Amino acid sequence: MDGNTTISELKREVRRFNRERDWDQFHGAKDLAIAISLEAAEVLEPFVYKSDKQADEIMKGRKRPEIEDEIADVFWAVIMFAERYEVDLSTALRKKMKKTALRYPIERARGSNKKYTEYA
């Protein structure tokens, strides 16, 4: 469960899993970046040409396990990348949130879907 698992634990599990199979040779930066993108595209596939309401219904239906598998594939690839290249995901996320908070101050961004470059 998310509340009981650390990112470090997940990195160790993924590292062990891949090393047992001698897969590190296939997991360079380029290949992992491609994998992240490809797996993310597979998350999108069930939602193509669907309304927001239809997308919400999909998430309540029989396709949910498939979508969860695809999300797990994205996460797995991110974890592999971070583990191999020593990216501290918690620090990276917090740094990105600080940058994003500067671009999207609450008083301008609250309830708005505008890009920060569109603010007057």
C-alpha atoms as a PDB file:
ATOM      1  CA  MET A   1       0.000   0.000   0.000  1.00  0.00           C
ATOM      2  CA  ASP A   2       1.151   3.527  -0.743  1.00  0.00           C
ATOM      3  CA  GLY A   3       1.023   4.578   2.900  1.00  0.00           C
ATOM      4  CA  ASN A   4       3.268   1.712   3.949  1.00  0.00           C
ATOM      5  CA  THR A   5       5.853   1.674   1.152  1.00  0.00           C
ATOM      6  CA  THR A   6       8.765   4.011   0.589  1.00  0.00           C
ATOM      7  CA  ILE A   7      10.212   4.990  -2.757  1.00  0.00           C
ATOM      8  CA  SER A   8      13.521   3.503  -1.584  1.00  0.00           C
ATOM      9  CA  GLU A   9      11.817   0.149  -1.028  1.00  0.00           C
ATOM     10  CA  LEU A  10      10.334   0.245  -4.515  1.00  0.00           C
ATOM     11  CA  LYS A  11      13.703   1.124  -6.030  1.00  0.00           C
ATOM     12  CA  ARG A  12      15.303  -1.862  -4.253  1.00  0.00           C
ATOM     13  CA  GLU A  13      12.541  -4.216  -5.422  1.00  0.00           C
ATOM     14  CA  VAL A  14      12.795  -3.051  -9.029  1.00  0.00           C
ATOM     15  CA  ARG A  15      16.620  -3.209  -8.933  1.00  0.00           C
ATOM     16  CA  ARG A  16      16.514  -6.789  -7.616  1.00  0.00           C
ATOM     17  CA  PHE A  17      13.844  -7.843 -10.119  1.00  0.00           C
ATOM     18  CA  ASN A  18      15.786  -6.476 -13.091  1.00  0.00           C
ATOM     19  CA  ARG A  19      19.167  -7.782 -11.942  1.00  0.00           C
ATOM     20  CA  GLU A  20      17.770 -11.289 -11.443  1.00  0.00           C
ATOM     21  CA  ARG A  21      16.796 -11.211 -15.108  1.00  0.00           C
ATOM     22  CA  ASP A  22      19.957  -9.436 -16.338  1.00  0.00           C
ATOM     23  CA  TRP A  23      17.833  -6.653 -17.816  1.00  0.00           C
ATOM     24  CA  ASP A  24      19.995  -3.685 -16.808  1.00  0.00           C
ATOM     25  CA  GLN A  25      21.778  -3.961 -20.152  1.00  0.00           C
ATOM     26  CA  PHE A  26      18.539  -2.858 -21.830  1.00  0.00           C
ATOM     27  CA  HIS A  27      17.795   0.045 -19.507  1.00  0.00           C
ATOM     28  CA  GLY A  28      19.909   3.012 -20.525  1.00  0.00           C
ATOM     29  CA  ALA A  29      18.623   6.576 -20.267  1.00  0.00           C
ATOM     30  CA  LYS A  30      17.311   6.617 -23.850  1.00  0.00           C
ATOM     31  CA  ASP A  31      15.488   3.314 -23.524  1.00  0.00           C
ATOM     32  CA  LEU A  32      13.958   4.218 -20.170  1.00  0.00           C
ATOM     33  CA  ALA A  33      12.820   7.616 -21.468  1.00  0.00           C
ATOM     34  CA  ILE A  34      11.221   5.904 -24.458  1.00  0.00           C
ATOM     35  CA  ALA A  35       9.578   3.328 -22.181  1.00  0.00           C
ATOM     36  CA  ILE A  36       8.087   6.067 -19.991  1.00  0.00           C
ATOM     37  CA  SER A  37       6.615   7.781 -23.037  1.00  0.00           C
ATOM     38  CA  LEU A  38       5.295   4.594 -24.629  1.00  0.00           C
ATOM     39  CA  GLU A  39       3.732   3.315 -21.442  1.00  0.00           C
ATOM     40  CA  ALA A  40       2.124   6.717 -20.801  1.00  0.00           C
ATOM     41  CA  ALA A  41       0.605   6.567 -24.288  1.00  0.00           C
ATOM     42  CA  GLU A  42      -0.894   3.188 -23.412  1.00  0.00           C
ATOM     43  CA  VAL A  43      -2.622   4.803 -20.425  1.00  0.00           C
ATOM     44  CA  LEU A  44      -4.262   7.219 -22.878  1.00  0.00           C
ATOM     45  CA  GLU A  45      -5.519   4.635 -25.348  1.00  0.00           C
ATOM     46  CA  PRO A  46      -8.848   3.694 -23.673  1.00  0.00           C
ATOM     47  CA  PHE A  47      -9.777   7.379 -23.430  1.00  0.00           C
ATOM     48  CA  VAL A  48      -9.285   8.391 -27.063  1.00  0.00           C
ATOM     49  CA  TYR A  49     -12.375  10.169 -28.422  1.00  0.00           C
ATOM     50  CA  LYS A  50     -14.205   9.843 -25.120  1.00  0.00           C
ATOM     51  CA  SER A  51     -15.865  12.642 -23.188  1.00  0.00           C
ATOM     52  CA  ASP A  52     -14.847  13.380 -19.606  1.00  0.00           C
ATOM     53  CA  LYS A  53     -18.001  11.612 -18.445  1.00  0.00           C
ATOM     54  CA  GLN A  54     -17.214   8.545 -20.546  1.00  0.00           C
ATOM     55  CA  ALA A  55     -13.635   8.544 -19.227  1.00  0.00           C
ATOM     56  CA  ASP A  56     -14.922   8.577 -15.649  1.00  0.00           C
ATOM     57  CA  GLU A  57     -17.202   5.646 -16.500  1.00  0.00           C
ATOM     58  CA  ILE A  58     -14.278   3.730 -17.985  1.00  0.00           C
ATOM     59  CA  MET A  59     -12.455   4.099 -14.684  1.00  0.00           C
ATOM     60  CA  LYS A  60     -15.429   2.530 -12.899  1.00  0.00           C
ATOM     61  CA  GLY A  61     -15.707  -0.356 -15.340  1.00  0.00           C
ATOM     62  CA  ARG A  62     -14.015  -3.506 -16.502  1.00  0.00           C
ATOM     63  CA  LYS A  63     -11.079  -1.700 -18.154  1.00  0.00           C
ATOM     64  CA  ARG A  64      -9.833  -0.314 -14.848  1.00  0.00           C
ATOM     65  CA  PRO A  65      -7.459  -3.242 -14.142  1.00  0.00           C
ATOM     66  CA  GLU A  66      -5.861  -2.805 -17.585  1.00  0.00           C
ATOM     67  CA  ILE A  67      -5.422   0.921 -16.980  1.00  0.00           C
ATOM     68  CA  GLU A  68      -3.926   0.252 -13.557  1.00  0.00           C
ATOM     69  CA  ASP A  69      -1.443  -2.124 -15.223  1.00  0.00           C
ATOM     70  CA  GLU A  70      -0.434   0.609 -17.656  1.00  0.00           C
ATOM     71  CA  ILE A  71      -0.044   3.159 -14.858  1.00  0.00           C
ATOM     72  CA  ALA A  72       2.117   0.620 -13.029  1.00  0.00           C
ATOM     73  CA  ASP A  73       4.240   0.227 -16.176  1.00  0.00           C
ATOM     74  CA  VAL A  74       4.799   4.009 -16.283  1.00  0.00           C
ATOM     75  CA  PHE A  75       5.687   4.054 -12.593  1.00  0.00           C
ATOM     76  CA  TRP A  76       7.987   1.070 -13.010  1.00  0.00           C
ATOM     77  CA  ALA A  77       9.879   2.795 -15.834  1.00  0.00           C
ATOM     78  CA  VAL A  78      10.159   5.997 -13.780  1.00  0.00           C
ATOM     79  CA  ILE A  79      11.446   4.009 -10.796  1.00  0.00           C
ATOM     80  CA  MET A  80      13.986   2.199 -13.011  1.00  0.00           C
ATOM     81  CA  PHE A  81      15.214   5.508 -14.417  1.00  0.00           C
ATOM     82  CA  ALA A  82      15.461   7.099 -10.987  1.00  0.00           C
ATOM     83  CA  GLU A  83      17.201   4.078  -9.476  1.00  0.00           C
ATOM     84  CA  ARG A  84      19.729   3.702 -12.271  1.00  0.00           C
ATOM     85  CA  TYR A  85      20.608   7.386 -12.504  1.00  0.00           C
ATOM     86  CA  GLU A  86      20.321   8.186  -8.791  1.00  0.00           C
ATOM     87  CA  VAL A  87      17.408  10.600  -9.107  1.00  0.00           C
ATOM     88  CA  ASP A  88      15.924  11.361  -5.707  1.00  0.00           C
ATOM     89  CA  LEU A  89      12.271  11.392  -6.716  1.00  0.00           C
ATOM     90  CA  SER A  90      10.997  13.031  -3.534  1.00  0.00           C
ATOM     91  CA  THR A  91      13.480  15.883  -3.854  1.00  0.00           C
ATOM     92  CA  ALA A  92      12.913  16.243  -7.601  1.00  0.00           C
ATOM     93  CA  LEU A  93       9.138  16.394  -7.132  1.00  0.00           C
ATOM     94  CA  ARG A  94       9.340  18.941  -4.339  1.00  0.00           C
ATOM     95  CA  LYS A  95      11.730  21.128  -6.373  1.00  0.00           C
ATOM     96  CA  LYS A  96       9.358  20.947  -9.348  1.00  0.00           C
ATOM     97  CA  MET A  97       6.392  21.860  -7.152  1.00  0.00           C
ATOM     98  CA  LYS A  98       8.261  24.948  -5.913  1.00  0.00           C
ATOM     99  CA  LYS A  99       8.982  26.015  -9.505  1.00  0.00           C
ATOM    100  CA  THR A 100       5.379  25.377 -10.483  1.00  0.00           C
ATOM    101  CA  ALA A 101       4.086  27.339  -7.481  1.00  0.00           C
ATOM    102  CA  LEU A 102       6.068  30.357  -8.707  1.00  0.00           C
ATOM    103  CA  ARG A 103       4.583  30.031 -12.192  1.00  0.00           C
ATOM    104  CA  TYR A 104       1.092  29.406 -10.874  1.00  0.00           C
ATOM    105  CA  PRO A 105       0.534  31.573  -7.787  1.00  0.00           C
ATOM    106  CA  ILE A 106      -2.695  30.712  -5.988  1.00  0.00           C
ATOM    107  CA  GLU A 107      -4.250  34.130  -6.545  1.00  0.00           C
ATOM    108  CA  ARG A 108      -3.868  33.762 -10.330  1.00  0.00           C
ATOM    109  CA  ALA A 109      -4.165  30.035 -10.854  1.00  0.00           C
ATOM    110  CA  ARG A 110      -7.000  29.031  -8.549  1.00  0.00           C
ATOM    111  CA  GLY A 111      -9.840  27.657 -10.672  1.00  0.00           C
ATOM    112  CA  SER A 112      -8.064  28.539 -13.931  1.00  0.00           C
ATOM    113  CA  ASN A 113      -6.746  26.214 -16.600  1.00  0.00           C
ATOM    114  CA  LYS A 114      -4.626  28.901 -18.284  1.00  0.00           C
ATOM    115  CA  LYS A 115      -0.965  28.308 -18.877  1.00  0.00           C
ATOM    116  CA  TYR A 116       1.260  30.628 -16.854  1.00  0.00           C
ATOM    117  CA  THR A 117       2.320  32.412 -20.047  1.00  0.00           C
ATOM    118  CA  GLU A 118      -1.318  33.475 -20.563  1.00  0.00           C
ATOM    119  CA  TYR A 119      -1.593  35.448 -17.329  1.00  0.00           C
ATOM    120  CA  ALA A 120      -2.090  39.172 -17.947  1.00  0.00           C
END
